[in-house]
């Protein structure tokens, strides 16, 4: 199955989703929001996909929403944005809730919803030449794409407010220093670093990774005892998986585990 605005490539256990509107700076329109929703479901439902890489075509990661398309819609924009964000947010939810970790491979500018997609990912690597800016309020708009949920959790309320209210632009290294992303790498090494990380994740204990994602996504919603109960349930469930049994055996036998994602 192909998508109009997102290129999907599956190699081994890694699915690479490439935002593919390079002539429009990979900005998000209604079609891309729908495509992201559909491809996220596909990744969620395929047990052979154990890592997802999200990147952009050309020189941009994603410059946010397609403001030209917004203008062209005219008086119906309010309703159109409700539809578009419905698809966009459902897609982000699927990627967040599935077991397979998502790696944002930020190959260029990440602005607006592009910033949101990067910060929503489980791990994020950027080219040193990349930059990050929220940009929403510059256009008189409010943030979307889960950024008001994830950004304060990643970097704290004060810094999140600064980025959203002042539209301060961060270099890739500043984004690392602030905790927005994990790593900034020289442009020439970017593809190799992303591929190495994706391969490592794709050959790991996928269901345990899913448990980590679920626990961390809930950590600010519960008190201590409730969170520890979720931890107890998660670790006992993982111990009853093939990968849990293999991991324990490999540790005791002093060998590298061979995980299958089951």
C-alpha atoms as a PDB file:
ATOM      1  CA  UNK A   1       0.000   0.000   0.000  1.00  0.00           C
ATOM      2  CA  UNK A   2       1.314   3.462  -0.903  1.00  0.00           C
ATOM      3  CA  UNK A   3       0.518   6.882   0.532  1.00  0.00           C
ATOM      4  CA  UNK A   4       0.272  10.189  -1.290  1.00  0.00           C
ATOM      5  CA  UNK A   5       2.392  12.286   1.070  1.00  0.00           C
ATOM      6  CA  UNK A   6       4.394   9.764   3.108  1.00  0.00           C
ATOM      7  CA  UNK A   7       6.878   7.272   1.716  1.00  0.00           C
ATOM      8  CA  UNK A   8       6.920   3.997   3.657  1.00  0.00           C
ATOM      9  CA  UNK A   9       9.862   1.628   3.456  1.00  0.00           C
ATOM     10  CA  UNK A  10      10.160  -1.507   5.554  1.00  0.00           C
ATOM     11  CA  UNK A  11      13.576  -3.144   5.765  1.00  0.00           C
ATOM     12  CA  UNK A  12      14.112  -5.968   8.196  1.00  0.00           C
ATOM     13  CA  UNK A  13      12.135  -4.944  11.255  1.00  0.00           C
ATOM     14  CA  UNK A  14      12.510  -1.176  10.678  1.00  0.00           C
ATOM     15  CA  UNK A  15       9.791   0.954   9.080  1.00  0.00           C
ATOM     16  CA  UNK A  16      10.978   4.302   7.744  1.00  0.00           C
ATOM     17  CA  UNK A  17       8.261   6.941   7.329  1.00  0.00           C
ATOM     18  CA  UNK A  18       9.427   9.835   5.175  1.00  0.00           C
ATOM     19  CA  UNK A  19       7.302  12.979   5.082  1.00  0.00           C
ATOM     20  CA  UNK A  20       7.248  13.512   1.338  1.00  0.00           C
ATOM     21  CA  UNK A  21       6.159  16.990   0.295  1.00  0.00           C
ATOM     22  CA  UNK A  22       9.630  18.470  -0.314  1.00  0.00           C
ATOM     23  CA  UNK A  23       8.347  21.242  -2.575  1.00  0.00           C
ATOM     24  CA  UNK A  24       6.161  22.433   0.312  1.00  0.00           C
ATOM     25  CA  UNK A  25       8.845  22.005   3.026  1.00  0.00           C
ATOM     26  CA  UNK A  26       7.069  18.785   4.107  1.00  0.00           C
ATOM     27  CA  UNK A  27       4.315  20.873   5.658  1.00  0.00           C
ATOM     28  CA  UNK A  28       1.255  19.047   6.930  1.00  0.00           C
ATOM     29  CA  UNK A  29      -2.002  19.353   5.035  1.00  0.00           C
ATOM     30  CA  UNK A  30      -5.162  17.270   5.406  1.00  0.00           C
ATOM     31  CA  UNK A  31      -3.837  14.519   3.151  1.00  0.00           C
ATOM     32  CA  UNK A  32      -0.593  14.158   5.109  1.00  0.00           C
ATOM     33  CA  UNK A  33      -2.522  14.034   8.387  1.00  0.00           C
ATOM     34  CA  UNK A  34      -4.683  11.236   6.953  1.00  0.00           C
ATOM     35  CA  UNK A  35      -1.634   9.423   5.611  1.00  0.00           C
ATOM     36  CA  UNK A  36       0.133   9.623   8.976  1.00  0.00           C
ATOM     37  CA  UNK A  37      -2.938   8.196  10.675  1.00  0.00           C
ATOM     38  CA  UNK A  38      -3.170   5.285   8.220  1.00  0.00           C
ATOM     39  CA  UNK A  39       0.533   4.459   8.212  1.00  0.00           C
ATOM     40  CA  UNK A  40       0.628   4.599  12.026  1.00  0.00           C
ATOM     41  CA  UNK A  41      -2.127   1.995  12.193  1.00  0.00           C
ATOM     42  CA  UNK A  42      -0.196  -0.165   9.751  1.00  0.00           C
ATOM     43  CA  UNK A  43       2.948   0.044  11.877  1.00  0.00           C
ATOM     44  CA  UNK A  44       0.981  -0.634  15.054  1.00  0.00           C
ATOM     45  CA  UNK A  45      -0.705  -3.719  13.609  1.00  0.00           C
ATOM     46  CA  UNK A  46       2.370  -5.331  12.001  1.00  0.00           C
ATOM     47  CA  UNK A  47       4.273  -7.411  14.588  1.00  0.00           C
ATOM     48  CA  UNK A  48       7.260  -7.558  12.228  1.00  0.00           C
ATOM     49  CA  UNK A  49       7.771  -3.795  12.586  1.00  0.00           C
ATOM     50  CA  UNK A  50       9.810  -3.347  15.741  1.00  0.00           C
ATOM     51  CA  UNK A  51      11.211   0.151  15.209  1.00  0.00           C
ATOM     52  CA  UNK A  52       9.936   3.191  13.316  1.00  0.00           C
ATOM     53  CA  UNK A  53      12.055   5.995  11.895  1.00  0.00           C
ATOM     54  CA  UNK A  54      10.278   9.261  11.069  1.00  0.00           C
ATOM     55  CA  UNK A  55      12.156  11.643   8.787  1.00  0.00           C
ATOM     56  CA  UNK A  56      11.645  14.158   5.972  1.00  0.00           C
ATOM     57  CA  UNK A  57      12.491  14.229   2.283  1.00  0.00           C
ATOM     58  CA  UNK A  58      14.839  16.848   0.888  1.00  0.00           C
ATOM     59  CA  UNK A  59      16.486  19.367   3.164  1.00  0.00           C
ATOM     60  CA  UNK A  60      13.618  19.917   5.632  1.00  0.00           C
ATOM     61  CA  UNK A  61      12.208  17.675   8.329  1.00  0.00           C
ATOM     62  CA  UNK A  62       8.845  19.426   8.554  1.00  0.00           C
ATOM     63  CA  UNK A  63       8.026  23.133   8.551  1.00  0.00           C
ATOM     64  CA  UNK A  64       4.723  22.652  10.364  1.00  0.00           C
ATOM     65  CA  UNK A  65       1.231  23.148   9.040  1.00  0.00           C
ATOM     66  CA  UNK A  66       0.638  24.147   5.410  1.00  0.00           C
ATOM     67  CA  UNK A  67      -0.332  27.792   5.969  1.00  0.00           C
ATOM     68  CA  UNK A  68      -0.956  28.355   2.258  1.00  0.00           C
ATOM     69  CA  UNK A  69      -3.472  25.526   2.292  1.00  0.00           C
ATOM     70  CA  UNK A  70      -5.006  27.010   5.430  1.00  0.00           C
ATOM     71  CA  UNK A  71      -5.431  30.370   3.689  1.00  0.00           C
ATOM     72  CA  UNK A  72      -6.912  28.759   0.581  1.00  0.00           C
ATOM     73  CA  UNK A  73      -9.595  27.019   2.650  1.00  0.00           C
ATOM     74  CA  UNK A  74     -11.006  30.396   3.652  1.00  0.00           C
ATOM     75  CA  UNK A  75     -14.019  30.601   5.927  1.00  0.00           C
ATOM     76  CA  UNK A  76     -14.124  26.843   6.504  1.00  0.00           C
ATOM     77  CA  UNK A  77     -10.713  26.745   8.161  1.00  0.00           C
ATOM     78  CA  UNK A  78     -11.993  26.245  11.710  1.00  0.00           C
ATOM     79  CA  UNK A  79     -13.822  23.047  10.764  1.00  0.00           C
ATOM     80  CA  UNK A  80     -10.996  21.930   8.465  1.00  0.00           C
ATOM     81  CA  UNK A  81      -8.442  22.213  11.257  1.00  0.00           C
ATOM     82  CA  UNK A  82     -10.606  20.116  13.549  1.00  0.00           C
ATOM     83  CA  UNK A  83     -10.639  17.404  10.881  1.00  0.00           C
ATOM     84  CA  UNK A  84      -6.916  17.671  10.161  1.00  0.00           C
ATOM     85  CA  UNK A  85      -5.843  17.621  13.803  1.00  0.00           C
ATOM     86  CA  UNK A  86      -8.204  14.692  14.373  1.00  0.00           C
ATOM     87  CA  UNK A  87      -6.197  12.587  11.937  1.00  0.00           C
ATOM     88  CA  UNK A  88      -2.835  14.012  13.036  1.00  0.00           C
ATOM     89  CA  UNK A  89      -3.474  13.434  16.712  1.00  0.00           C
ATOM     90  CA  UNK A  90      -4.855   9.947  16.181  1.00  0.00           C
ATOM     91  CA  UNK A  91      -1.729   9.065  14.220  1.00  0.00           C
ATOM     92  CA  UNK A  92       0.555  10.408  16.949  1.00  0.00           C
ATOM     93  CA  UNK A  93      -1.470   8.491  19.536  1.00  0.00           C
ATOM     94  CA  UNK A  94      -1.003   5.216  17.635  1.00  0.00           C
ATOM     95  CA  UNK A  95       2.739   5.784  17.319  1.00  0.00           C
ATOM     96  CA  UNK A  96       2.978   6.662  21.010  1.00  0.00           C
ATOM     97  CA  UNK A  97       0.915   3.722  22.256  1.00  0.00           C
ATOM     98  CA  UNK A  98       2.409   0.970  20.085  1.00  0.00           C
ATOM     99  CA  UNK A  99       5.236  -1.214  21.369  1.00  0.00           C
ATOM    100  CA  UNK A 100       7.762  -0.324  18.664  1.00  0.00           C
ATOM    101  CA  UNK A 101       9.832   2.736  19.618  1.00  0.00           C
ATOM    102  CA  UNK A 102       9.731   5.729  17.267  1.00  0.00           C
ATOM    103  CA  UNK A 103      12.951   7.507  16.313  1.00  0.00           C
ATOM    104  CA  UNK A 104      12.682  11.028  14.919  1.00  0.00           C
ATOM    105  CA  UNK A 105      15.500  11.464  12.397  1.00  0.00           C
ATOM    106  CA  UNK A 106      15.482  15.245  12.076  1.00  0.00           C
ATOM    107  CA  UNK A 107      17.260  15.945   8.803  1.00  0.00           C
ATOM    108  CA  UNK A 108      16.560  19.692   8.712  1.00  0.00           C
ATOM    109  CA  UNK A 109      14.320  22.424  10.074  1.00  0.00           C
ATOM    110  CA  UNK A 110      11.641  21.219  12.498  1.00  0.00           C
ATOM    111  CA  UNK A 111       9.071  23.986  12.940  1.00  0.00           C
ATOM    112  CA  UNK A 112       5.566  24.039  14.356  1.00  0.00           C
ATOM    113  CA  UNK A 113       4.024  20.599  13.984  1.00  0.00           C
ATOM    114  CA  UNK A 114       7.434  19.348  12.820  1.00  0.00           C
ATOM    115  CA  UNK A 115       8.807  20.295  16.240  1.00  0.00           C
ATOM    116  CA  UNK A 116       5.798  18.553  17.784  1.00  0.00           C
ATOM    117  CA  UNK A 117       6.463  15.336  15.855  1.00  0.00           C
ATOM    118  CA  UNK A 118      10.118  15.355  16.900  1.00  0.00           C
ATOM    119  CA  UNK A 119       9.379  15.896  20.576  1.00  0.00           C
ATOM    120  CA  UNK A 120       6.634  13.215  20.574  1.00  0.00           C
ATOM    121  CA  UNK A 121       9.045  10.545  19.334  1.00  0.00           C
ATOM    122  CA  UNK A 122      10.614   8.166  21.836  1.00  0.00           C
ATOM    123  CA  UNK A 123      14.113   9.056  20.662  1.00  0.00           C
ATOM    124  CA  UNK A 124      15.313  11.919  18.473  1.00  0.00           C
ATOM    125  CA  UNK A 125      18.520  12.447  16.510  1.00  0.00           C
ATOM    126  CA  UNK A 126      19.216  15.541  14.417  1.00  0.00           C
ATOM    127  CA  UNK A 127      21.776  16.717  11.928  1.00  0.00           C
ATOM    128  CA  UNK A 128      24.015  19.405  13.389  1.00  0.00           C
ATOM    129  CA  UNK A 129      22.659  21.751  10.724  1.00  0.00           C
ATOM    130  CA  UNK A 130      19.042  21.241  11.842  1.00  0.00           C
ATOM    131  CA  UNK A 131      17.112  23.814  13.854  1.00  0.00           C
ATOM    132  CA  UNK A 132      13.980  23.794  16.000  1.00  0.00           C
ATOM    133  CA  UNK A 133      11.303  26.443  16.508  1.00  0.00           C
ATOM    134  CA  UNK A 134       7.725  26.232  17.744  1.00  0.00           C
ATOM    135  CA  UNK A 135       6.531  29.090  15.500  1.00  0.00           C
ATOM    136  CA  UNK A 136       2.812  28.642  16.194  1.00  0.00           C
ATOM    137  CA  UNK A 137       2.221  31.984  17.890  1.00  0.00           C
ATOM    138  CA  UNK A 138       4.183  33.763  15.159  1.00  0.00           C
ATOM    139  CA  UNK A 139       1.201  32.893  12.956  1.00  0.00           C
ATOM    140  CA  UNK A 140      -1.323  33.725  15.664  1.00  0.00           C
ATOM    141  CA  UNK A 141      -2.013  30.046  16.319  1.00  0.00           C
ATOM    142  CA  UNK A 142      -1.845  27.708  19.323  1.00  0.00           C
ATOM    143  CA  UNK A 143       0.338  24.584  19.480  1.00  0.00           C
ATOM    144  CA  UNK A 144      -0.940  21.166  18.423  1.00  0.00           C
ATOM    145  CA  UNK A 145       0.528  17.763  17.593  1.00  0.00           C
ATOM    146  CA  UNK A 146       0.872  16.757  21.289  1.00  0.00           C
ATOM    147  CA  UNK A 147       3.534  19.395  22.012  1.00  0.00           C
ATOM    148  CA  UNK A 148       1.726  20.828  25.059  1.00  0.00           C
ATOM    149  CA  UNK A 149       1.719  17.306  26.513  1.00  0.00           C
ATOM    150  CA  UNK A 150       5.222  16.126  25.662  1.00  0.00           C
ATOM    151  CA  UNK A 151       7.352  19.271  25.675  1.00  0.00           C
ATOM    152  CA  UNK A 152       6.830  20.185  29.370  1.00  0.00           C
ATOM    153  CA  UNK A 153       7.510  16.549  30.259  1.00  0.00           C
ATOM    154  CA  UNK A 154      10.736  16.529  28.245  1.00  0.00           C
ATOM    155  CA  UNK A 155      12.185  19.904  29.251  1.00  0.00           C
ATOM    156  CA  UNK A 156      10.035  21.396  32.017  1.00  0.00           C
ATOM    157  CA  UNK A 157       7.306  24.022  32.094  1.00  0.00           C
ATOM    158  CA  UNK A 158       9.512  27.129  32.104  1.00  0.00           C
ATOM    159  CA  UNK A 159      11.455  26.213  29.000  1.00  0.00           C
ATOM    160  CA  UNK A 160       8.341  24.948  27.231  1.00  0.00           C
ATOM    161  CA  UNK A 161       6.653  28.302  27.837  1.00  0.00           C
ATOM    162  CA  UNK A 162       9.702  30.162  26.563  1.00  0.00           C
ATOM    163  CA  UNK A 163       9.742  28.209  23.312  1.00  0.00           C
ATOM    164  CA  UNK A 164       6.003  28.564  22.787  1.00  0.00           C
ATOM    165  CA  UNK A 165       5.686  32.229  23.762  1.00  0.00           C
ATOM    166  CA  UNK A 166       8.880  33.701  22.304  1.00  0.00           C
ATOM    167  CA  UNK A 167       9.453  31.298  19.393  1.00  0.00           C
ATOM    168  CA  UNK A 168      13.106  31.098  20.269  1.00  0.00           C
ATOM    169  CA  UNK A 169      14.961  29.042  17.678  1.00  0.00           C
ATOM    170  CA  UNK A 170      17.253  26.290  18.930  1.00  0.00           C
ATOM    171  CA  UNK A 171      20.225  24.892  17.094  1.00  0.00           C
ATOM    172  CA  UNK A 172      20.507  21.121  17.099  1.00  0.00           C
ATOM    173  CA  UNK A 173      23.125  21.251  19.852  1.00  0.00           C
ATOM    174  CA  UNK A 174      20.969  23.602  21.920  1.00  0.00           C
ATOM    175  CA  UNK A 175      18.089  21.155  21.455  1.00  0.00           C
ATOM    176  CA  UNK A 176      20.320  18.453  22.938  1.00  0.00           C
ATOM    177  CA  UNK A 177      21.329  20.705  25.831  1.00  0.00           C
ATOM    178  CA  UNK A 178      17.686  21.542  26.547  1.00  0.00           C
ATOM    179  CA  UNK A 179      16.585  17.897  26.409  1.00  0.00           C
ATOM    180  CA  UNK A 180      14.425  18.321  23.311  1.00  0.00           C
ATOM    181  CA  UNK A 181      16.403  15.661  21.410  1.00  0.00           C
ATOM    182  CA  UNK A 182      18.921  12.991  22.338  1.00  0.00           C
ATOM    183  CA  UNK A 183      21.769  13.615  19.951  1.00  0.00           C
ATOM    184  CA  UNK A 184      23.079  15.980  17.275  1.00  0.00           C
ATOM    185  CA  UNK A 185      25.501  14.427  14.809  1.00  0.00           C
ATOM    186  CA  UNK A 186      27.590  15.757  11.924  1.00  0.00           C
ATOM    187  CA  UNK A 187      25.527  15.842   8.755  1.00  0.00           C
ATOM    188  CA  UNK A 188      27.786  13.340   7.002  1.00  0.00           C
ATOM    189  CA  UNK A 189      27.354  10.789   9.788  1.00  0.00           C
ATOM    190  CA  UNK A 190      23.603  11.245  10.228  1.00  0.00           C
ATOM    191  CA  UNK A 191      22.268   8.384   8.106  1.00  0.00           C
ATOM    192  CA  UNK A 192      24.710   5.862   9.578  1.00  0.00           C
ATOM    193  CA  UNK A 193      23.964   6.884  13.171  1.00  0.00           C
ATOM    194  CA  UNK A 194      20.202   6.675  12.622  1.00  0.00           C
ATOM    195  CA  UNK A 195      20.497   3.285  10.907  1.00  0.00           C
ATOM    196  CA  UNK A 196      22.650   1.881  13.716  1.00  0.00           C
ATOM    197  CA  UNK A 197      20.214   2.995  16.406  1.00  0.00           C
ATOM    198  CA  UNK A 198      17.172   1.763  14.471  1.00  0.00           C
ATOM    199  CA  UNK A 199      18.791  -1.642  13.961  1.00  0.00           C
ATOM    200  CA  UNK A 200      19.629  -1.909  17.656  1.00  0.00           C
ATOM    201  CA  UNK A 201      16.077  -1.004  18.680  1.00  0.00           C
ATOM    202  CA  UNK A 202      14.521  -3.308  16.070  1.00  0.00           C
ATOM    203  CA  UNK A 203      16.433  -6.269  17.456  1.00  0.00           C
ATOM    204  CA  UNK A 204      15.548  -5.556  21.065  1.00  0.00           C
ATOM    205  CA  UNK A 205      12.752  -6.803  23.359  1.00  0.00           C
ATOM    206  CA  UNK A 206       9.901  -4.976  21.611  1.00  0.00           C
ATOM    207  CA  UNK A 207       7.184  -5.754  24.141  1.00  0.00           C
ATOM    208  CA  UNK A 208       9.417  -4.609  26.988  1.00  0.00           C
ATOM    209  CA  UNK A 209      10.064  -1.390  25.066  1.00  0.00           C
ATOM    210  CA  UNK A 210       6.294  -0.994  24.800  1.00  0.00           C
ATOM    211  CA  UNK A 211       5.986  -1.424  28.553  1.00  0.00           C
ATOM    212  CA  UNK A 212       8.620   1.284  29.086  1.00  0.00           C
ATOM    213  CA  UNK A 213       6.698   3.647  26.795  1.00  0.00           C
ATOM    214  CA  UNK A 214       3.415   2.977  28.580  1.00  0.00           C
ATOM    215  CA  UNK A 215       4.901   3.463  32.043  1.00  0.00           C
ATOM    216  CA  UNK A 216       6.675   6.706  31.161  1.00  0.00           C
ATOM    217  CA  UNK A 217       3.619   8.104  29.401  1.00  0.00           C
ATOM    218  CA  UNK A 218       1.638   7.651  32.616  1.00  0.00           C
ATOM    219  CA  UNK A 219       4.277   8.648  35.139  1.00  0.00           C
ATOM    220  CA  UNK A 220       2.911  12.174  35.724  1.00  0.00           C
ATOM    221  CA  UNK A 221      -0.667  10.971  36.009  1.00  0.00           C
ATOM    222  CA  UNK A 222      -0.329   8.784  39.124  1.00  0.00           C
ATOM    223  CA  UNK A 223       0.889   8.919  42.670  1.00  0.00           C
ATOM    224  CA  UNK A 224       3.816   6.801  43.867  1.00  0.00           C
ATOM    225  CA  UNK A 225       1.898   3.686  44.893  1.00  0.00           C
ATOM    226  CA  UNK A 226      -0.245   3.657  41.738  1.00  0.00           C
ATOM    227  CA  UNK A 227       2.825   4.022  39.525  1.00  0.00           C
ATOM    228  CA  UNK A 228       4.648   1.232  41.391  1.00  0.00           C
ATOM    229  CA  UNK A 229       1.625  -1.036  40.927  1.00  0.00           C
ATOM    230  CA  UNK A 230       1.810  -0.396  37.184  1.00  0.00           C
ATOM    231  CA  UNK A 231       5.526  -1.211  37.323  1.00  0.00           C
ATOM    232  CA  UNK A 232       4.820  -4.458  39.185  1.00  0.00           C
ATOM    233  CA  UNK A 233       2.251  -5.502  36.612  1.00  0.00           C
ATOM    234  CA  UNK A 234       4.550  -4.597  33.727  1.00  0.00           C
ATOM    235  CA  UNK A 235       7.659  -6.411  34.966  1.00  0.00           C
ATOM    236  CA  UNK A 236       5.694  -9.546  35.859  1.00  0.00           C
ATOM    237  CA  UNK A 237       4.010  -9.541  32.455  1.00  0.00           C
ATOM    238  CA  UNK A 238       7.337  -9.098  30.651  1.00  0.00           C
ATOM    239  CA  UNK A 239       8.876 -11.963  32.627  1.00  0.00           C
ATOM    240  CA  UNK A 240       6.194 -14.190  31.105  1.00  0.00           C
ATOM    241  CA  UNK A 241       7.166 -13.357  27.503  1.00  0.00           C
ATOM    242  CA  UNK A 242       9.591 -15.206  25.250  1.00  0.00           C
ATOM    243  CA  UNK A 243      11.958 -12.230  25.334  1.00  0.00           C
ATOM    244  CA  UNK A 244      11.763 -12.023  29.120  1.00  0.00           C
ATOM    245  CA  UNK A 245      12.722 -15.667  29.508  1.00  0.00           C
ATOM    246  CA  UNK A 246      15.462 -15.296  26.879  1.00  0.00           C
ATOM    247  CA  UNK A 247      16.847 -12.161  28.528  1.00  0.00           C
ATOM    248  CA  UNK A 248      17.091 -13.782  31.931  1.00  0.00           C
ATOM    249  CA  UNK A 249      18.692 -16.925  30.504  1.00  0.00           C
ATOM    250  CA  UNK A 250      21.192 -14.944  28.416  1.00  0.00           C
ATOM    251  CA  UNK A 251      22.234 -12.863  31.407  1.00  0.00           C
ATOM    252  CA  UNK A 252      22.827 -15.930  33.563  1.00  0.00           C
ATOM    253  CA  UNK A 253      24.640 -17.714  30.733  1.00  0.00           C
ATOM    254  CA  UNK A 254      26.785 -14.634  30.039  1.00  0.00           C
ATOM    255  CA  UNK A 255      25.816 -14.411  26.360  1.00  0.00           C
ATOM    256  CA  UNK A 256      24.095 -11.888  24.111  1.00  0.00           C
ATOM    257  CA  UNK A 257      20.299 -12.341  24.109  1.00  0.00           C
ATOM    258  CA  UNK A 258      18.454 -13.066  20.876  1.00  0.00           C
ATOM    259  CA  UNK A 259      15.177 -11.216  21.124  1.00  0.00           C
ATOM    260  CA  UNK A 260      12.248 -11.893  18.795  1.00  0.00           C
ATOM    261  CA  UNK A 261       9.795  -9.244  19.924  1.00  0.00           C
ATOM    262  CA  UNK A 262       7.509 -11.868  21.444  1.00  0.00           C
END
